[in-house]
Amino acid sequence: MEIDVKHLEALAKVQLSADEEQVMEKDLRSILEHVKRLFELDVNDVPPTFGSGDIFGVDLDEDIPREGLKRDLILVGAPSIHDVFFKVPRESGASRDEEGKDRS
């Protein structure tokens, strides 16, 4: 199976050294081989589960619709807001042009 580590680097926006690329490819091959073995298992007689609670006997509370929190009360605790939204710092890797507009 072909693994394009350079493509994955671009998607993840990271830069790996040649040694790190080799380790990454080895690790990914190992993971994919494990997944391949999982697909080979016969699970036709295994009942479906929908989380670990089914296995450990965890009783979940019934979902009961109720009124949510009031927006005004939530925004009072925000360090910075814009209109009715939280205002958060820009992603550190984001780039801007000379006019301060996002390039992305």
Protein backbone atom coordinates (compact mmCIF):
# COMPACT_ATOMS: atom_id res chain seq x y z
CA MET A 1 0.00 0.00 0.00
CA GLU A 2 1.31 3.41 -0.97
CA ILE A 3 1.54 5.93 1.88
CA ASP A 4 2.19 9.51 0.80
CA VAL A 5 3.74 11.02 3.93
CA LYS A 6 4.44 14.32 2.12
CA HIS A 7 0.73 14.67 1.35
CA LEU A 8 -0.15 13.98 4.98
CA GLU A 9 2.41 16.59 6.08
CA ALA A 10 0.72 19.16 3.84
CA LEU A 11 -2.74 18.28 5.16
CA ALA A 12 -1.55 18.52 8.77
CA LYS A 13 0.47 21.68 8.03
CA VAL A 14 3.59 20.18 9.61
CA GLN A 15 7.12 19.67 8.38
CA LEU A 16 8.92 16.44 9.22
CA SER A 17 12.58 15.60 8.89
CA ALA A 18 13.57 12.66 6.68
CA ASP A 19 13.99 10.48 9.78
CA GLU A 20 10.56 11.51 11.11
CA GLU A 21 9.01 10.73 7.71
CA GLN A 22 10.43 7.21 7.84
CA VAL A 23 9.11 6.68 11.38
CA MET A 24 5.71 8.09 10.35
CA GLU A 25 5.47 5.78 7.34
CA LYS A 26 6.46 2.75 9.47
CA ASP A 27 3.88 3.67 12.14
CA LEU A 28 1.11 4.24 9.58
CA ARG A 29 1.87 0.90 7.90
CA SER A 30 1.61 -0.80 11.30
CA ILE A 31 -1.72 0.90 12.05
CA LEU A 32 -3.17 0.01 8.64
CA GLU A 33 -2.03 -3.60 9.01
CA HIS A 34 -3.80 -3.77 12.37
CA VAL A 35 -7.00 -2.32 10.88
CA LYS A 36 -6.76 -4.84 8.02
CA ARG A 37 -6.64 -7.68 10.60
CA LEU A 38 -9.69 -6.22 12.36
CA PHE A 39 -11.65 -6.35 9.10
CA GLU A 40 -10.78 -10.04 8.77
CA LEU A 41 -12.51 -10.90 12.07
CA ASP A 42 -15.85 -12.73 11.94
CA VAL A 43 -18.18 -10.61 14.08
CA ASN A 44 -21.50 -11.85 12.68
CA ASP A 45 -22.50 -13.40 16.03
CA VAL A 46 -21.32 -10.47 18.16
CA PRO A 47 -24.21 -8.28 19.34
CA PRO A 48 -23.77 -4.57 18.56
CA THR A 49 -22.76 -2.21 21.34
CA PHE A 50 -23.09 1.53 21.33
CA GLY A 51 -20.35 2.43 23.77
CA SER A 52 -18.47 1.07 26.74
CA GLY A 53 -21.52 1.58 28.97
CA ASP A 54 -23.08 -1.50 27.39
CA ILE A 55 -20.10 -3.56 28.51
CA PHE A 56 -19.67 -2.22 32.03
CA GLY A 57 -23.33 -1.88 32.97
CA VAL A 58 -23.33 1.90 33.17
CA ASP A 59 -26.85 3.25 33.43
CA LEU A 60 -27.28 6.47 31.50
CA ASP A 61 -29.84 9.06 32.48
CA GLU A 62 -32.86 9.41 30.24
CA ASP A 63 -32.62 12.30 27.79
CA ILE A 64 -35.10 14.90 28.97
CA PRO A 65 -35.46 18.10 26.93
CA ARG A 66 -35.12 21.22 29.05
CA GLU A 67 -34.45 24.89 28.57
CA GLY A 68 -30.84 25.77 27.87
CA LEU A 69 -28.74 28.50 29.37
CA LYS A 70 -29.57 32.11 28.57
CA ARG A 71 -27.17 33.69 26.07
CA ASP A 72 -26.94 36.96 28.03
CA LEU A 73 -25.87 35.14 31.19
CA ILE A 74 -23.20 33.18 29.33
CA LEU A 75 -21.76 36.23 27.56
CA VAL A 76 -21.39 38.09 30.88
CA GLY A 77 -18.47 35.78 31.73
CA ALA A 78 -16.77 36.08 28.34
CA PRO A 79 -13.47 37.97 28.29
CA SER A 80 -14.39 39.47 24.90
CA ILE A 81 -17.53 39.42 22.74
CA HIS A 82 -18.63 40.57 19.28
CA ASP A 83 -22.39 41.06 18.87
CA VAL A 84 -23.80 37.86 20.41
CA PHE A 85 -20.67 35.71 19.97
CA PHE A 86 -17.54 34.93 21.96
CA LYS A 87 -14.54 36.72 20.49
CA VAL A 88 -11.44 34.49 20.53
CA PRO A 89 -7.82 35.13 19.58
CA ARG A 90 -6.82 34.47 15.98
CA GLU A 91 -5.11 31.17 15.22
CA SER A 92 -1.38 31.70 15.63
CA GLY A 93 -0.59 30.35 12.15
CA ALA A 94 -3.08 32.56 10.30
CA SER A 95 -1.57 35.01 7.86
CA ARG A 96 -2.78 38.47 6.89
CA ASP A 97 -1.99 40.85 4.07
CA GLU A 98 -0.81 44.46 4.53
CA GLU A 99 -4.41 45.66 5.04
CA GLY A 100 -4.97 43.19 7.86
CA LYS A 101 -7.28 40.91 5.87
CA ASP A 102 -7.04 37.10 6.07
CA ARG A 103 -5.24 35.50 3.13
CA SER A 104 -6.98 32.16 3.53
